[in-house]
Amino acid sequence: MSYIPTIDEGSCIGQGDCMDLLPEVFQVDDCARVIGTGPDDGLLKAARECPTEAIVLVDSRTGEQVYP
């Protein structure tokens, strides 16, 4: 399985936890943005630690949303 992360910009508060966990995947200014790819377990951890659930993960094979 491989996850594709996106950011719900309306929910993101720019706290930066995602960037702290995966700086190769996320960059944060006022809002987070996806700049790369990373391991599924790391993406899931970042998504779960986002205080506003602004990180959306989709399964690249099925197109199904897996988080939140």
N, C-alpha and C. Protein backbone atom coordinates (compact mmCIF):
# COMPACT_ATOMS: atom_id res chain seq x y z
N MET A 1 0.85 -1.18 0.00
CA MET A 1 0.00 0.00 0.00
C MET A 1 0.89 1.23 0.00
N SER A 2 0.42 2.28 -0.61
CA SER A 2 1.15 3.53 -0.62
C SER A 2 0.17 4.67 -0.46
N TYR A 3 0.44 5.55 0.51
CA TYR A 3 -0.46 6.65 0.80
C TYR A 3 -0.04 7.92 0.08
N ILE A 4 -1.03 8.67 -0.37
CA ILE A 4 -0.82 9.98 -0.96
C ILE A 4 -1.39 11.01 0.02
N PRO A 5 -0.53 11.88 0.56
CA PRO A 5 -1.01 12.89 1.50
C PRO A 5 -1.46 14.16 0.78
N THR A 6 -2.51 14.78 1.29
CA THR A 6 -2.92 16.11 0.87
C THR A 6 -3.26 16.89 2.13
N ILE A 7 -3.33 18.19 1.99
CA ILE A 7 -3.64 19.06 3.14
C ILE A 7 -4.99 19.72 2.91
N ASP A 8 -5.85 19.63 3.92
CA ASP A 8 -7.10 20.39 3.92
C ASP A 8 -6.74 21.79 4.43
N GLU A 9 -6.54 22.71 3.50
CA GLU A 9 -6.07 24.05 3.86
C GLU A 9 -7.04 24.80 4.76
N GLY A 10 -8.32 24.48 4.69
CA GLY A 10 -9.30 25.12 5.55
C GLY A 10 -9.20 24.68 7.00
N SER A 11 -8.59 23.52 7.22
CA SER A 11 -8.44 22.99 8.58
C SER A 11 -7.06 23.25 9.18
N CYS A 12 -6.05 23.40 8.33
CA CYS A 12 -4.67 23.52 8.80
C CYS A 12 -4.45 24.84 9.55
N ILE A 13 -3.82 24.73 10.73
CA ILE A 13 -3.49 25.92 11.52
C ILE A 13 -1.99 26.22 11.50
N GLY A 14 -1.22 25.43 10.73
CA GLY A 14 0.20 25.69 10.57
C GLY A 14 1.03 25.41 11.80
N GLN A 15 0.61 24.48 12.64
CA GLN A 15 1.34 24.18 13.88
C GLN A 15 2.71 23.58 13.61
N GLY A 16 2.85 22.77 12.56
CA GLY A 16 4.16 22.27 12.16
C GLY A 16 4.55 20.91 12.68
N ASP A 17 3.67 20.21 13.39
CA ASP A 17 4.02 18.87 13.87
C ASP A 17 4.37 17.94 12.71
N CYS A 18 3.64 18.06 11.60
CA CYS A 18 3.90 17.21 10.44
C CYS A 18 5.31 17.45 9.90
N MET A 19 5.73 18.70 9.83
CA MET A 19 7.06 19.03 9.33
C MET A 19 8.14 18.53 10.29
N ASP A 20 7.86 18.58 11.59
CA ASP A 20 8.82 18.07 12.57
C ASP A 20 9.03 16.57 12.38
N LEU A 21 7.95 15.84 12.08
CA LEU A 21 8.04 14.39 11.90
C LEU A 21 8.61 14.00 10.54
N LEU A 22 8.19 14.70 9.49
CA LEU A 22 8.59 14.34 8.12
C LEU A 22 8.96 15.58 7.31
N PRO A 23 10.12 16.17 7.57
CA PRO A 23 10.49 17.39 6.85
C PRO A 23 10.69 17.17 5.35
N GLU A 24 10.88 15.94 4.94
CA GLU A 24 11.03 15.64 3.52
C GLU A 24 9.67 15.58 2.80
N VAL A 25 8.58 15.57 3.59
CA VAL A 25 7.23 15.46 3.02
C VAL A 25 6.45 16.76 3.18
N PHE A 26 6.60 17.41 4.33
CA PHE A 26 5.78 18.60 4.63
C PHE A 26 6.64 19.83 4.86
N GLN A 27 6.13 20.96 4.40
CA GLN A 27 6.72 22.26 4.70
C GLN A 27 5.59 23.13 5.23
N VAL A 28 5.91 23.93 6.25
CA VAL A 28 4.87 24.74 6.87
C VAL A 28 5.30 26.20 6.91
N ASP A 29 4.44 27.04 6.38
CA ASP A 29 4.56 28.48 6.54
C ASP A 29 3.31 28.88 7.34
N ASP A 30 2.35 29.51 6.70
CA ASP A 30 1.07 29.76 7.36
C ASP A 30 0.22 28.50 7.37
N CYS A 31 0.46 27.64 6.40
CA CYS A 31 -0.29 26.40 6.23
C CYS A 31 0.69 25.34 5.73
N ALA A 32 0.43 24.10 6.07
CA ALA A 32 1.28 23.01 5.59
C ALA A 32 1.05 22.78 4.10
N ARG A 33 2.09 22.27 3.46
CA ARG A 33 1.95 21.82 2.08
C ARG A 33 2.83 20.60 1.88
N VAL A 34 2.43 19.77 0.95
CA VAL A 34 3.15 18.53 0.65
C VAL A 34 4.24 18.85 -0.36
N ILE A 35 5.49 18.46 -0.03
CA ILE A 35 6.62 18.73 -0.92
C ILE A 35 7.32 17.45 -1.38
N GLY A 36 6.88 16.30 -0.87
CA GLY A 36 7.55 15.05 -1.22
C GLY A 36 6.73 13.85 -0.80
N THR A 37 7.40 12.72 -0.75
CA THR A 37 6.74 11.48 -0.34
C THR A 37 7.48 10.89 0.85
N GLY A 38 6.81 9.96 1.52
CA GLY A 38 7.42 9.34 2.67
C GLY A 38 6.80 7.99 2.94
N PRO A 39 7.31 7.31 3.96
CA PRO A 39 6.80 5.98 4.28
C PRO A 39 5.38 6.05 4.84
N ASP A 40 4.59 5.04 4.52
CA ASP A 40 3.20 5.01 4.97
C ASP A 40 3.06 5.14 6.47
N ASP A 41 3.91 4.45 7.23
CA ASP A 41 3.79 4.52 8.69
C ASP A 41 4.08 5.92 9.21
N GLY A 42 5.03 6.62 8.59
CA GLY A 42 5.32 8.00 8.98
C GLY A 42 4.20 8.95 8.61
N LEU A 43 3.62 8.74 7.43
CA LEU A 43 2.50 9.58 7.01
C LEU A 43 1.30 9.40 7.93
N LEU A 44 1.03 8.15 8.30
CA LEU A 44 -0.09 7.88 9.20
C LEU A 44 0.16 8.50 10.57
N LYS A 45 1.39 8.43 11.06
CA LYS A 45 1.72 9.04 12.36
C LYS A 45 1.53 10.56 12.30
N ALA A 46 2.00 11.18 11.22
CA ALA A 46 1.85 12.63 11.08
C ALA A 46 0.37 13.01 11.01
N ALA A 47 -0.41 12.24 10.26
CA ALA A 47 -1.84 12.53 10.14
C ALA A 47 -2.53 12.40 11.49
N ARG A 48 -2.18 11.38 12.23
CA ARG A 48 -2.82 11.17 13.54
C ARG A 48 -2.42 12.23 14.55
N GLU A 49 -1.22 12.79 14.42
CA GLU A 49 -0.76 13.80 15.37
C GLU A 49 -1.20 15.22 15.00
N CYS A 50 -1.75 15.39 13.80
CA CYS A 50 -2.23 16.71 13.40
C CYS A 50 -3.42 17.09 14.29
N PRO A 51 -3.35 18.22 14.99
CA PRO A 51 -4.41 18.57 15.94
C PRO A 51 -5.76 18.89 15.28
N THR A 52 -5.76 19.17 13.98
CA THR A 52 -7.01 19.52 13.31
C THR A 52 -7.40 18.51 12.23
N GLU A 53 -6.70 17.39 12.15
CA GLU A 53 -6.94 16.36 11.13
C GLU A 53 -6.91 16.95 9.72
N ALA A 54 -5.96 17.85 9.49
CA ALA A 54 -5.84 18.51 8.18
C ALA A 54 -5.10 17.67 7.15
N ILE A 55 -4.44 16.60 7.59
CA ILE A 55 -3.73 15.72 6.66
C ILE A 55 -4.67 14.60 6.25
N VAL A 56 -4.94 14.54 4.96
CA VAL A 56 -5.81 13.51 4.40
C VAL A 56 -4.93 12.51 3.65
N LEU A 57 -5.11 11.23 3.95
CA LEU A 57 -4.35 10.18 3.28
C LEU A 57 -5.26 9.35 2.39
N VAL A 58 -4.81 9.11 1.17
CA VAL A 58 -5.55 8.33 0.19
C VAL A 58 -4.67 7.17 -0.26
N ASP A 59 -5.26 5.98 -0.37
CA ASP A 59 -4.54 4.81 -0.88
C ASP A 59 -4.31 5.01 -2.38
N SER A 60 -3.06 4.97 -2.81
CA SER A 60 -2.75 5.25 -4.21
C SER A 60 -3.28 4.17 -5.16
N ARG A 61 -3.49 2.96 -4.67
CA ARG A 61 -3.99 1.88 -5.53
C ARG A 61 -5.49 1.96 -5.73
N THR A 62 -6.21 2.22 -4.66
CA THR A 62 -7.68 2.18 -4.72
C THR A 62 -8.33 3.54 -4.84
N GLY A 63 -7.59 4.60 -4.47
CA GLY A 63 -8.17 5.93 -4.45
C GLY A 63 -9.04 6.17 -3.23
N GLU A 64 -9.07 5.20 -2.33
CA GLU A 64 -9.90 5.28 -1.14
C GLU A 64 -9.22 6.09 -0.05
N GLN A 65 -9.97 6.97 0.60
CA GLN A 65 -9.43 7.74 1.71
C GLN A 65 -9.26 6.81 2.90
N VAL A 66 -8.04 6.82 3.48
CA VAL A 66 -7.76 5.94 4.62
C VAL A 66 -7.63 6.71 5.94
N TYR A 67 -7.47 8.04 5.85
CA TYR A 67 -7.43 8.86 7.07
C TYR A 67 -7.77 10.29 6.69
N PRO A 68 -8.50 11.05 7.48
CA PRO A 68 -9.24 10.63 8.67
C PRO A 68 -10.50 9.87 8.32
